[in-house]
PDB file of N, CA and C in Angstrom:
ATOM      1  N   MET A   1      92.410 263.939 163.852  1.00  0.00           N
ATOM      2  CA  MET A   1      92.831 264.684 162.692  1.00  0.00           C
ATOM      3  C   MET A   1      91.770 264.516 161.618  1.00  0.00           C
ATOM      4  N   GLN A   2      91.374 265.604 161.010  1.00  0.00           N
ATOM      5  CA  GLN A   2      90.405 265.576 159.928  1.00  0.00           C
ATOM      6  C   GLN A   2      91.107 265.190 158.619  1.00  0.00           C
ATOM      7  N   LEU A   3      90.556 264.210 157.934  1.00  0.00           N
ATOM      8  CA  LEU A   3      91.159 263.756 156.680  1.00  0.00           C
ATOM      9  C   LEU A   3      90.248 263.992 155.484  1.00  0.00           C
ATOM     10  N   GLY A   4      88.970 264.141 155.721  1.00  0.00           N
ATOM     11  CA  GLY A   4      88.035 264.459 154.647  1.00  0.00           C
ATOM     12  C   GLY A   4      87.902 263.394 153.583  1.00  0.00           C
ATOM     13  N   GLY A   5      88.151 262.155 153.920  1.00  0.00           N
ATOM     14  CA  GLY A   5      87.981 261.074 152.951  1.00  0.00           C
ATOM     15  C   GLY A   5      89.107 260.942 151.957  1.00  0.00           C
ATOM     16  N   SER A   6      90.254 261.544 152.256  1.00  0.00           N
ATOM     17  CA  SER A   6      91.371 261.502 151.307  1.00  0.00           C
ATOM     18  C   SER A   6      92.210 260.231 151.420  1.00  0.00           C
ATOM     19  N   ILE A   7      91.974 259.432 152.468  1.00  0.00           N
ATOM     20  CA  ILE A   7      92.779 258.236 152.711  1.00  0.00           C
ATOM     21  C   ILE A   7      91.924 256.983 152.585  1.00  0.00           C
ATOM     22  N   GLN A   8      92.375 256.063 151.749  1.00  0.00           N
ATOM     23  CA  GLN A   8      91.695 254.775 151.599  1.00  0.00           C
ATOM     24  C   GLN A   8      91.995 253.890 152.804  1.00  0.00           C
ATOM     25  N   ALA A   9      90.986 253.157 153.234  1.00  0.00           N
ATOM     26  CA  ALA A   9      91.161 252.196 154.322  1.00  0.00           C
ATOM     27  C   ALA A   9      90.691 250.832 153.835  1.00  0.00           C
ATOM     28  N   ALA A  10      91.503 249.821 154.061  1.00  0.00           N
ATOM     29  CA  ALA A  10      91.134 248.441 153.745  1.00  0.00           C
ATOM     30  C   ALA A  10      90.602 247.806 155.023  1.00  0.00           C
ATOM     31  N   ILE A  11      89.464 247.134 154.910  1.00  0.00           N
ATOM     32  CA  ILE A  11      88.820 246.534 156.078  1.00  0.00           C
ATOM     33  C   ILE A  11      88.575 245.063 155.804  1.00  0.00           C
ATOM     34  N   ARG A  12      88.922 244.228 156.780  1.00  0.00           N
ATOM     35  CA  ARG A  12      88.653 242.794 156.672  1.00  0.00           C
ATOM     36  C   ARG A  12      87.854 242.370 157.891  1.00  0.00           C
ATOM     37  N   LEU A  13      86.712 241.760 157.639  1.00  0.00           N
ATOM     38  CA  LEU A  13      85.858 241.282 158.712  1.00  0.00           C
ATOM     39  C   LEU A  13      86.361 239.941 159.217  1.00  0.00           C
ATOM     40  N   MET A  14      85.874 239.540 160.366  1.00  0.00           N
ATOM     41  CA  MET A  14      86.316 238.290 160.987  1.00  0.00           C
ATOM     42  C   MET A  14      85.986 237.067 160.129  1.00  0.00           C
ATOM     43  N   ASP A  15      84.932 237.152 159.291  1.00  0.00           N
ATOM     44  CA  ASP A  15      84.577 236.021 158.433  1.00  0.00           C
ATOM     45  C   ASP A  15      85.397 235.998 157.146  1.00  0.00           C
ATOM     46  N   GLY A  16      86.348 236.935 157.008  1.00  0.00           N
ATOM     47  CA  GLY A  16      87.224 236.978 155.844  1.00  0.00           C
ATOM     48  C   GLY A  16      86.750 237.908 154.740  1.00  0.00           C
ATOM     49  N   LYS A  17      85.508 238.384 154.811  1.00  0.00           N
ATOM     50  CA  LYS A  17      85.008 239.323 153.798  1.00  0.00           C
ATOM     51  C   LYS A  17      85.789 240.618 153.891  1.00  0.00           C
ATOM     52  N   ARG A  18      85.885 241.288 152.753  1.00  0.00           N
ATOM     53  CA  ARG A  18      86.664 242.524 152.680  1.00  0.00           C
ATOM     54  C   ARG A  18      85.775 243.695 152.261  1.00  0.00           C
ATOM     55  N   SER A  19      86.182 244.876 152.696  1.00  0.00           N
ATOM     56  CA  SER A  19      85.480 246.102 152.356  1.00  0.00           C
ATOM     57  C   SER A  19      86.515 247.209 152.223  1.00  0.00           C
ATOM     58  N   ARG A  20      86.121 248.281 151.571  1.00  0.00           N
ATOM     59  CA  ARG A  20      86.989 249.457 151.461  1.00  0.00           C
ATOM     60  C   ARG A  20      86.193 250.667 151.909  1.00  0.00           C
ATOM     61  N   GLY A  21      86.909 251.614 152.473  1.00  0.00           N
ATOM     62  CA  GLY A  21      86.282 252.850 152.893  1.00  0.00           C
ATOM     63  C   GLY A  21      87.271 253.989 152.790  1.00  0.00           C
ATOM     64  N   LYS A  22      86.815 255.173 153.177  1.00  0.00           N
ATOM     65  CA  LYS A  22      87.676 256.346 153.187  1.00  0.00           C
ATOM     66  C   LYS A  22      87.658 256.941 154.580  1.00  0.00           C
ATOM     67  N   LEU A  23      88.846 257.171 155.125  1.00  0.00           N
ATOM     68  CA  LEU A  23      88.957 257.746 156.457  1.00  0.00           C
ATOM     69  C   LEU A  23      88.527 259.206 156.442  1.00  0.00           C
ATOM     70  N   GLN A  24      87.638 259.564 157.348  1.00  0.00           N
ATOM     71  CA  GLN A  24      87.219 260.952 157.528  1.00  0.00           C
ATOM     72  C   GLN A  24      88.021 261.604 158.652  1.00  0.00           C
ATOM     73  N   THR A  25      88.203 260.854 159.739  1.00  0.00           N
ATOM     74  CA  THR A  25      88.998 261.328 160.873  1.00  0.00           C
ATOM     75  C   THR A  25      89.768 260.153 161.443  1.00  0.00           C
ATOM     76  N   VAL A  26      90.853 260.462 162.137  1.00  0.00           N
ATOM     77  CA  VAL A  26      91.608 259.424 162.837  1.00  0.00           C
ATOM     78  C   VAL A  26      92.265 260.061 164.058  1.00  0.00           C
ATOM     79  N   SER A  27      92.343 259.274 165.117  1.00  0.00           N
ATOM     80  CA  SER A  27      93.023 259.697 166.339  1.00  0.00           C
ATOM     81  C   SER A  27      93.755 258.480 166.890  1.00  0.00           C
ATOM     82  N   ALA A  28      94.397 258.638 168.018  1.00  0.00           N
ATOM     83  CA  ALA A  28      95.121 257.522 168.626  1.00  0.00           C
ATOM     84  C   ALA A  28      94.176 256.441 169.142  1.00  0.00           C
ATOM     85  N   THR A  29      92.898 256.762 169.298  1.00  0.00           N
ATOM     86  CA  THR A  29      91.942 255.795 169.856  1.00  0.00           C
ATOM     87  C   THR A  29      90.938 255.263 168.855  1.00  0.00           C
ATOM     88  N   GLY A  30      90.862 255.843 167.656  1.00  0.00           N
ATOM     89  CA  GLY A  30      89.890 255.380 166.664  1.00  0.00           C
ATOM     90  C   GLY A  30      89.704 256.398 165.567  1.00  0.00           C
ATOM     91  N   GLY A  31      88.510 256.375 164.968  1.00  0.00           N
ATOM     92  CA  GLY A  31      88.261 257.311 163.878  1.00  0.00           C
ATOM     93  C   GLY A  31      86.887 257.136 163.289  1.00  0.00           C
ATOM     94  N   MET A  32      86.728 257.682 162.077  1.00  0.00           N
ATOM     95  CA  MET A  32      85.477 257.607 161.340  1.00  0.00           C
ATOM     96  C   MET A  32      85.814 257.255 159.899  1.00  0.00           C
ATOM     97  N   VAL A  33      85.083 256.282 159.358  1.00  0.00           N
ATOM     98  CA  VAL A  33      85.307 255.834 157.988  1.00  0.00           C
ATOM     99  C   VAL A  33      83.985 255.939 157.222  1.00  0.00           C
ATOM    100  N   THR A  34      84.058 256.311 155.945  1.00  0.00           N
ATOM    101  CA  THR A  34      82.882 256.338 155.087  1.00  0.00           C
ATOM    102  C   THR A  34      82.834 255.034 154.309  1.00  0.00           C
ATOM    103  N   LEU A  35      81.689 254.366 154.377  1.00  0.00           N
ATOM    104  CA  LEU A  35      81.472 253.079 153.707  1.00  0.00           C
ATOM    105  C   LEU A  35      80.222 253.154 152.845  1.00  0.00           C
ATOM    106  N   ASN A  36      80.208 252.425 151.733  1.00  0.00           N
ATOM    107  CA  ASN A  36      78.996 252.339 150.920  1.00  0.00           C
ATOM    108  C   ASN A  36      77.893 251.613 151.672  1.00  0.00           C
ATOM    109  N   ASN A  37      78.261 250.549 152.361  1.00  0.00           N
ATOM    110  CA  ASN A  37      77.315 249.765 153.160  1.00  0.00           C
ATOM    111  C   ASN A  37      77.866 249.659 154.573  1.00  0.00           C
ATOM    112  N   PRO A  38      77.073 250.017 155.566  1.00  0.00           N
ATOM    113  CA  PRO A  38      77.587 250.002 156.931  1.00  0.00           C
ATOM    114  C   PRO A  38      77.836 248.586 157.430  1.00  0.00           C
ATOM    115  N   LEU A  39      78.732 248.471 158.371  1.00  0.00           N
ATOM    116  CA  LEU A  39      78.975 247.213 159.052  1.00  0.00           C
ATOM    117  C   LEU A  39      78.106 247.192 160.303  1.00  0.00           C
ATOM    118  N   SER A  40      77.918 246.055 160.867  1.00  0.00           N
ATOM    119  CA  SER A  40      77.096 245.952 162.068  1.00  0.00           C
ATOM    120  C   SER A  40      77.832 246.541 163.261  1.00  0.00           C
ATOM    121  N   GLU A  41      77.094 247.251 164.085  1.00  0.00           N
ATOM    122  CA  GLU A  41      77.662 247.765 165.320  1.00  0.00           C
ATOM    123  C   GLU A  41      78.187 246.592 166.136  1.00  0.00           C
ATOM    124  N   GLY A  42      79.393 246.714 166.639  1.00  0.00           N
ATOM    125  CA  GLY A  42      80.004 245.645 167.422  1.00  0.00           C
ATOM    126  C   GLY A  42      80.867 244.700 166.617  1.00  0.00           C
ATOM    127  N   ASP A  43      80.819 244.797 165.274  1.00  0.00           N
ATOM    128  CA  ASP A  43      81.699 243.958 164.445  1.00  0.00           C
ATOM    129  C   ASP A  43      83.157 244.272 164.768  1.00  0.00           C
ATOM    130  N   PHE A  44      83.964 243.239 164.870  1.00  0.00           N
ATOM    131  CA  PHE A  44      85.403 243.412 165.007  1.00  0.00           C
ATOM    132  C   PHE A  44      86.021 243.222 163.638  1.00  0.00           C
ATOM    133  N   VAL A  45      86.880 244.154 163.254  1.00  0.00           N
ATOM    134  CA  VAL A  45      87.475 244.147 161.927  1.00  0.00           C
ATOM    135  C   VAL A  45      88.972 244.410 162.042  1.00  0.00           C
ATOM    136  N   GLU A  46      89.663 244.081 160.978  1.00  0.00           N
ATOM    137  CA  GLU A  46      91.045 244.502 160.817  1.00  0.00           C
ATOM    138  C   GLU A  46      91.009 245.681 159.861  1.00  0.00           C
ATOM    139  N   ILE A  47      91.608 246.795 160.246  1.00  0.00           N
ATOM    140  CA  ILE A  47      91.613 247.995 159.406  1.00  0.00           C
ATOM    141  C   ILE A  47      93.051 248.381 159.113  1.00  0.00           C
ATOM    142  N   ALA A  48      93.312 248.790 157.881  1.00  0.00           N
ATOM    143  CA  ALA A  48      94.672 249.159 157.475  1.00  0.00           C
ATOM    144  C   ALA A  48      94.611 250.399 156.589  1.00  0.00           C
ATOM    145  N   PHE A  49      95.576 251.291 156.805  1.00  0.00           N
ATOM    146  CA  PHE A  49      95.685 252.504 155.993  1.00  0.00           C
ATOM    147  C   PHE A  49      97.115 253.007 156.057  1.00  0.00           C
ATOM    148  N   GLN A  50      97.453 253.887 155.120  1.00  0.00           N
ATOM    149  CA  GLN A  50      98.806 254.412 155.002  1.00  0.00           C
ATOM    150  C   GLN A  50      98.872 255.807 155.616  1.00  0.00           C
ATOM    151  N   THR A  51      99.940 256.092 156.363  1.00  0.00           N
ATOM    152  CA  THR A  51     100.193 257.424 156.914  1.00  0.00           C
ATOM    153  C   THR A  51     101.550 257.896 156.419  1.00  0.00           C
ATOM    154  N   PRO A  52     101.881 259.171 156.616  1.00  0.00           N
ATOM    155  CA  PRO A  52     103.211 259.638 156.212  1.00  0.00           C
ATOM    156  C   PRO A  52     104.337 258.888 156.923  1.00  0.00           C
ATOM    157  N   ALA A  53     104.079 258.384 158.122  1.00  0.00           N
ATOM    158  CA  ALA A  53     105.111 257.678 158.888  1.00  0.00           C
ATOM    159  C   ALA A  53     105.144 256.186 158.574  1.00  0.00           C
ATOM    160  N   GLY A  54     104.201 255.702 157.781  1.00  0.00           N
ATOM    161  CA  GLY A  54     104.161 254.293 157.429  1.00  0.00           C
ATOM    162  C   GLY A  54     102.775 253.707 157.605  1.00  0.00           C
ATOM    163  N   ALA A  55     102.661 252.439 157.299  1.00  0.00           N
ATOM    164  CA  ALA A  55     101.369 251.755 157.361  1.00  0.00           C
ATOM    165  C   ALA A  55     100.898 251.581 158.804  1.00  0.00           C
ATOM    166  N   VAL A  56      99.583 251.612 158.965  1.00  0.00           N
ATOM    167  CA  VAL A  56      98.944 251.329 160.252  1.00  0.00           C
ATOM    168  C   VAL A  56      97.932 250.216 160.004  1.00  0.00           C
ATOM    169  N   GLN A  57      98.046 249.157 160.789  1.00  0.00           N
ATOM    170  CA  GLN A  57      97.123 248.027 160.679  1.00  0.00           C
ATOM    171  C   GLN A  57      96.785 247.589 162.093  1.00  0.00           C
ATOM    172  N   GLY A  58      95.486 247.459 162.360  1.00  0.00           N
ATOM    173  CA  GLY A  58      95.092 247.063 163.702  1.00  0.00           C
ATOM    174  C   GLY A  58      93.687 246.502 163.732  1.00  0.00           C
ATOM    175  N   MET A  59      93.293 246.062 164.906  1.00  0.00           N
ATOM    176  CA  MET A  59      91.952 245.552 165.128  1.00  0.00           C
ATOM    177  C   MET A  59      91.095 246.698 165.651  1.00  0.00           C
ATOM    178  N   ALA A  60      89.838 246.732 165.196  1.00  0.00           N
ATOM    179  CA  ALA A  60      88.937 247.798 165.620  1.00  0.00           C
ATOM    180  C   ALA A  60      87.536 247.233 165.822  1.00  0.00           C
ATOM    181  N   GLU A  61      86.780 247.919 166.655  1.00  0.00           N
ATOM    182  CA  GLU A  61      85.372 247.606 166.843  1.00  0.00           C
ATOM    183  C   GLU A  61      84.566 248.690 166.145  1.00  0.00           C
ATOM    184  N   MET A  62      83.609 248.276 165.304  1.00  0.00           N
ATOM    185  CA  MET A  62      82.756 249.225 164.603  1.00  0.00           C
ATOM    186  C   MET A  62      81.649 249.686 165.538  1.00  0.00           C
ATOM    187  N   LEU A  63      81.381 250.990 165.494  1.00  0.00           N
ATOM    188  CA  LEU A  63      80.351 251.590 166.335  1.00  0.00           C
ATOM    189  C   LEU A  63      79.126 251.927 165.482  1.00  0.00           C
ATOM    190  N   THR A  64      78.145 252.603 166.025  1.00  0.00           N
ATOM    191  CA  THR A  64      76.877 252.877 165.339  1.00  0.00           C
ATOM    192  C   THR A  64      77.083 253.740 164.097  1.00  0.00           C
ATOM    193  N   PRO A  65      76.647 253.253 162.912  1.00  0.00           N
ATOM    194  CA  PRO A  65      76.795 254.028 161.668  1.00  0.00           C
ATOM    195  C   PRO A  65      75.804 255.187 161.611  1.00  0.00           C
ATOM    196  N   LYS A  66      76.181 256.222 160.841  1.00  0.00           N
ATOM    197  CA  LYS A  66      75.332 257.382 160.608  1.00  0.00           C
ATOM    198  C   LYS A  66      75.182 257.574 159.103  1.00  0.00           C
ATOM    199  N   LYS A  67      73.952 257.693 158.613  1.00  0.00           N
ATOM    200  CA  LYS A  67      73.707 257.888 157.179  1.00  0.00           C
ATOM    201  C   LYS A  67      74.241 259.245 156.747  1.00  0.00           C
ATOM    202  N   GLN A  68      74.906 259.284 155.594  1.00  0.00           N
ATOM    203  CA  GLN A  68      75.473 260.528 155.069  1.00  0.00           C
ATOM    204  C   GLN A  68      75.068 260.684 153.610  1.00  0.00           C
ATOM    205  N   PHE A  69      73.821 260.928 153.350  1.00  0.00           N
ATOM    206  CA  PHE A  69      73.292 261.217 152.026  1.00  0.00           C
ATOM    207  C   PHE A  69      73.833 260.241 150.969  1.00  0.00           C
ATOM    208  N   ALA A  70      74.219 260.777 149.812  1.00  0.00           N
ATOM    209  CA  ALA A  70      74.657 259.936 148.695  1.00  0.00           C
ATOM    210  C   ALA A  70      76.060 259.367 148.893  1.00  0.00           C
ATOM    211  N   LEU A  71      76.789 259.860 149.881  1.00  0.00           N
ATOM    212  CA  LEU A  71      78.165 259.403 150.085  1.00  0.00           C
ATOM    213  C   LEU A  71      78.236 258.037 150.750  1.00  0.00           C
ATOM    214  N   GLY A  72      77.141 257.552 151.276  1.00  0.00           N
ATOM    215  CA  GLY A  72      77.161 256.293 151.993  1.00  0.00           C
ATOM    216  C   GLY A  72      76.950 256.536 153.471  1.00  0.00           C
ATOM    217  N   TYR A  73      77.705 255.835 154.280  1.00  0.00           N
ATOM    218  CA  TYR A  73      77.549 255.895 155.727  1.00  0.00           C
ATOM    219  C   TYR A  73      78.861 256.307 156.383  1.00  0.00           C
ATOM    220  N   HIS A  74      78.758 257.201 157.350  1.00  0.00           N
ATOM    221  CA  HIS A  74      79.900 257.499 158.211  1.00  0.00           C
ATOM    222  C   HIS A  74      79.789 256.549 159.390  1.00  0.00           C
ATOM    223  N   GLN A  75      80.850 255.781 159.621  1.00  0.00           N
ATOM    224  CA  GLN A  75      80.808 254.826 160.721  1.00  0.00           C
ATOM    225  C   GLN A  75      82.044 254.979 161.590  1.00  0.00           C
ATOM    226  N   PRO A  76      81.823 255.316 162.862  1.00  0.00           N
ATOM    227  CA  PRO A  76      82.960 255.431 163.775  1.00  0.00           C
ATOM    228  C   PRO A  76      83.491 254.053 164.166  1.00  0.00           C
ATOM    229  N   PHE A  77      84.738 254.027 164.553  1.00  0.00           N
ATOM    230  CA  PHE A  77      85.362 252.796 165.055  1.00  0.00           C
ATOM    231  C   PHE A  77      86.314 253.160 166.169  1.00  0.00           C
ATOM    232  N   ARG A  78      86.595 252.173 167.005  1.00  0.00           N
ATOM    233  CA  ARG A  78      87.608 252.370 168.041  1.00  0.00           C
ATOM    234  C   ARG A  78      88.631 251.263 167.919  1.00  0.00           C
ATOM    235  N   PHE A  79      89.888 251.639 168.050  1.00  0.00           N
ATOM    236  CA  PHE A  79      90.947 250.645 168.020  1.00  0.00           C
ATOM    237  C   PHE A  79      90.860 249.790 169.280  1.00  0.00           C
ATOM    238  N   VAL A  80      90.989 248.486 169.106  1.00  0.00           N
ATOM    239  CA  VAL A  80      91.039 247.583 170.255  1.00  0.00           C
ATOM    240  C   VAL A  80      92.415 246.930 170.368  1.00  0.00           C
ATOM    241  N   ALA A  81      93.189 246.953 169.296  1.00  0.00           N
ATOM    242  CA  ALA A  81      94.547 246.404 169.329  1.00  0.00           C
ATOM    243  C   ALA A  81      95.365 247.003 168.185  1.00  0.00           C
ATOM    244  N   LEU A  82      96.520 247.544 168.540  1.00  0.00           N
ATOM    245  CA  LEU A  82      97.495 248.036 167.569  1.00  0.00           C
ATOM    246  C   LEU A  82      98.861 247.513 167.990  1.00  0.00           C
ATOM    247  N   GLY A  83      99.606 246.993 167.033  1.00  0.00           N
ATOM    248  CA  GLY A  83     100.974 246.589 167.329  1.00  0.00           C
ATOM    249  C   GLY A  83     101.818 247.816 167.662  1.00  0.00           C
ATOM    250  N   ASP A  84     102.937 247.598 168.315  1.00  0.00           N
ATOM    251  CA  ASP A  84     103.803 248.715 168.707  1.00  0.00           C
ATOM    252  C   ASP A  84     104.214 249.567 167.514  1.00  0.00           C
ATOM    253  N   HIS A  85     104.632 248.920 166.430  1.00  0.00           N
ATOM    254  CA  HIS A  85     105.096 249.650 165.246  1.00  0.00           C
ATOM    255  C   HIS A  85     103.946 250.447 164.625  1.00  0.00           C
ATOM    256  N   ASP A  86     102.760 249.845 164.549  1.00  0.00           N
ATOM    257  CA  ASP A  86     101.596 250.533 163.993  1.00  0.00           C
ATOM    258  C   ASP A  86     101.216 251.730 164.857  1.00  0.00           C
ATOM    259  N   HIS A  87     101.228 251.541 166.172  1.00  0.00           N
ATOM    260  CA  HIS A  87     100.911 252.633 167.092  1.00  0.00           C
ATOM    261  C   HIS A  87     101.914 253.775 166.942  1.00  0.00           C
ATOM    262  N   GLN A  88     103.190 253.441 166.803  1.00  0.00           N
ATOM    263  CA  GLN A  88     104.222 254.466 166.613  1.00  0.00           C
ATOM    264  C   GLN A  88     103.990 255.237 165.319  1.00  0.00           C
ATOM    265  N   ASN A  89     103.676 254.525 164.228  1.00  0.00           N
ATOM    266  CA  ASN A  89     103.418 255.191 162.943  1.00  0.00           C
ATOM    267  C   ASN A  89     102.233 256.150 163.058  1.00  0.00           C
ATOM    268  N   LEU A  90     101.171 255.697 163.697  1.00  0.00           N
ATOM    269  CA  LEU A  90      99.990 256.531 163.858  1.00  0.00           C
ATOM    270  C   LEU A  90     100.317 257.762 164.707  1.00  0.00           C
ATOM    271  N   CYS A  91     100.946 257.562 165.832  1.00  0.00           N
ATOM    272  CA  CYS A  91     101.271 258.681 166.733  1.00  0.00           C
ATOM    273  C   CYS A  91     102.221 259.674 166.086  1.00  0.00           C
ATOM    274  N   ARG A  92     103.223 259.182 165.352  1.00  0.00           N
ATOM    275  CA  ARG A  92     104.151 260.092 164.661  1.00  0.00           C
ATOM    276  C   ARG A  92     103.415 260.956 163.648  1.00  0.00           C
ATOM    277  N   SER A  93     102.486 260.353 162.912  1.00  0.00           N
ATOM    278  CA  SER A  93     101.724 261.117 161.920  1.00  0.00           C
ATOM    279  C   SER A  93     100.824 262.144 162.586  1.00  0.00           C
ATOM    280  N   LEU A  94     100.196 261.770 163.686  1.00  0.00           N
ATOM    281  CA  LEU A  94      99.343 262.713 164.412  1.00  0.00           C
ATOM    282  C   LEU A  94     100.164 263.852 165.006  1.00  0.00           C
ATOM    283  N   GLU A  95     101.339 263.530 165.549  1.00  0.00           N
ATOM    284  CA  GLU A  95     102.214 264.558 166.128  1.00  0.00           C
ATOM    285  C   GLU A  95     102.689 265.529 165.056  1.00  0.00           C
ATOM    286  N   THR A  96     103.063 265.019 163.900  1.00  0.00           N
ATOM    287  CA  THR A  96     103.515 265.867 162.803  1.00  0.00           C
ATOM    288  C   THR A  96     102.411 266.825 162.394  1.00  0.00           C
ATOM    289  N   SER A  97     101.204 266.329 162.294  1.00  0.00           N
ATOM    290  CA  SER A  97     100.067 267.170 161.933  1.00  0.00           C
ATOM    291  C   SER A  97      99.834 268.235 163.001  1.00  0.00           C
ATOM    292  N   ASN A  98      99.868 267.842 164.271  1.00  0.00           N
ATOM    293  CA  ASN A  98      99.669 268.797 165.368  1.00  0.00           C
ATOM    294  C   ASN A  98     100.793 269.820 165.418  1.00  0.00           C
ATOM    295  N   ASP A  99     102.042 269.389 165.188  1.00  0.00           N
ATOM    296  CA  ASP A  99     103.180 270.317 165.190  1.00  0.00           C
ATOM    297  C   ASP A  99     103.005 271.369 164.107  1.00  0.00           C
ATOM    298  N   ASN A 100     102.577 270.967 162.922  1.00  0.00           N
ATOM    299  CA  ASN A 100     102.372 271.913 161.822  1.00  0.00           C
ATOM    300  C   ASN A 100     101.315 272.952 162.188  1.00  0.00           C
ATOM    301  N   GLU A 101     100.232 272.506 162.821  1.00  0.00           N
ATOM    302  CA  GLU A 101      99.180 273.435 163.216  1.00  0.00           C
ATOM    303  C   GLU A 101      99.680 274.380 164.304  1.00  0.00           C
ATOM    304  N   MET A 102     100.465 273.882 165.243  1.00  0.00           N
ATOM    305  CA  MET A 102     100.988 274.731 166.330  1.00  0.00           C
ATOM    306  C   MET A 102     101.971 275.765 165.805  1.00  0.00           C
ATOM    307  N   LEU A 103     102.680 275.436 164.723  1.00  0.00           N
ATOM    308  CA  LEU A 103     103.640 276.361 164.143  1.00  0.00           C
ATOM    309  C   LEU A 103     102.969 277.384 163.228  1.00  0.00           C
ATOM    310  N   GLY A 104     101.664 277.276 163.069  1.00  0.00           N
ATOM    311  CA  GLY A 104     100.941 278.251 162.266  1.00  0.00           C
ATOM    312  C   GLY A 104     100.683 277.826 160.840  1.00  0.00           C
ATOM    313  N   PHE A 105     101.036 276.612 160.482  1.00  0.00           N
ATOM    314  CA  PHE A 105     100.733 276.116 159.144  1.00  0.00           C
ATOM    315  C   PHE A 105      99.291 275.648 159.142  1.00  0.00           C
ATOM    316  N   LYS A 106      98.435 276.406 158.515  1.00  0.00           N
ATOM    317  CA  LYS A 106      97.021 276.048 158.492  1.00  0.00           C
ATOM    318  C   LYS A 106      96.773 275.076 157.363  1.00  0.00           C
ATOM    319  N   GLN A 107      95.902 274.117 157.647  1.00  0.00           N
ATOM    320  CA  GLN A 107      95.505 273.174 156.611  1.00  0.00           C
ATOM    321  C   GLN A 107      94.138 273.593 156.096  1.00  0.00           C
ATOM    322  N   ASP A 108      94.112 274.282 154.941  1.00  0.00           N
ATOM    323  CA  ASP A 108      92.842 274.661 154.340  1.00  0.00           C
ATOM    324  C   ASP A 108      92.147 273.449 153.759  1.00  0.00           C
ATOM    325  N   ARG A 109      92.934 272.463 153.409  1.00  0.00           N
ATOM    326  CA  ARG A 109      92.406 271.219 152.858  1.00  0.00           C
ATOM    327  C   ARG A 109      92.673 270.097 153.842  1.00  0.00           C
ATOM    328  N   PRO A 110      91.944 268.984 153.698  1.00  0.00           N
ATOM    329  CA  PRO A 110      92.239 267.831 154.550  1.00  0.00           C
ATOM    330  C   PRO A 110      93.658 267.327 154.297  1.00  0.00           C
ATOM    331  N   ALA A 111      94.229 266.658 155.282  1.00  0.00           N
ATOM    332  CA  ALA A 111      95.550 266.060 155.127  1.00  0.00           C
ATOM    333  C   ALA A 111      95.549 265.102 153.958  1.00  0.00           C
ATOM    334  N   ARG A 112      96.613 265.064 153.193  1.00  0.00           N
ATOM    335  CA  ARG A 112      96.709 264.185 152.022  1.00  0.00           C
ATOM    336  C   ARG A 112      97.798 263.154 152.244  1.00  0.00           C
ATOM    337  N   TRP A 113      97.424 262.051 152.869  1.00  0.00           N
ATOM    338  CA  TRP A 113      98.364 260.960 153.023  1.00  0.00           C
ATOM    339  C   TRP A 113      98.228 260.081 151.798  1.00  0.00           C
ATOM    340  N   SER A 114      99.328 259.683 151.237  1.00  0.00           N
ATOM    341  CA  SER A 114      99.262 258.813 150.059  1.00  0.00           C
ATOM    342  C   SER A 114      98.839 257.425 150.459  1.00  0.00           C
ATOM    343  N   THR A 115      98.150 256.741 149.556  1.00  0.00           N
ATOM    344  CA  THR A 115      97.691 255.383 149.818  1.00  0.00           C
ATOM    345  C   THR A 115      98.476 254.396 149.017  1.00  0.00           C
TER     346      THR A 115
END
């Protein structure tokens, strides 16, 4: 699902350091986050964000970052662990978005999940 940076994501590295980013895309297997400073490829992090169905918090592996002009870096990630409740919240939000598109409700703007 395309989010266009409308959703804040809280990131905690294994050493306890914290970072914030904005979700660009999210799926059941991972997504893309915009960061001011990229994380190292292969870093394992805890990532958390809010969806219409509730909070999602899980472990993710950071993949190779891509420079995105003045906005910072787009960095993909893949989920490596999600609790059952978090997975349900994520899937419900993705299904709701897909259902709206299938019913003909076009999203001219990125999805606006509150943070």
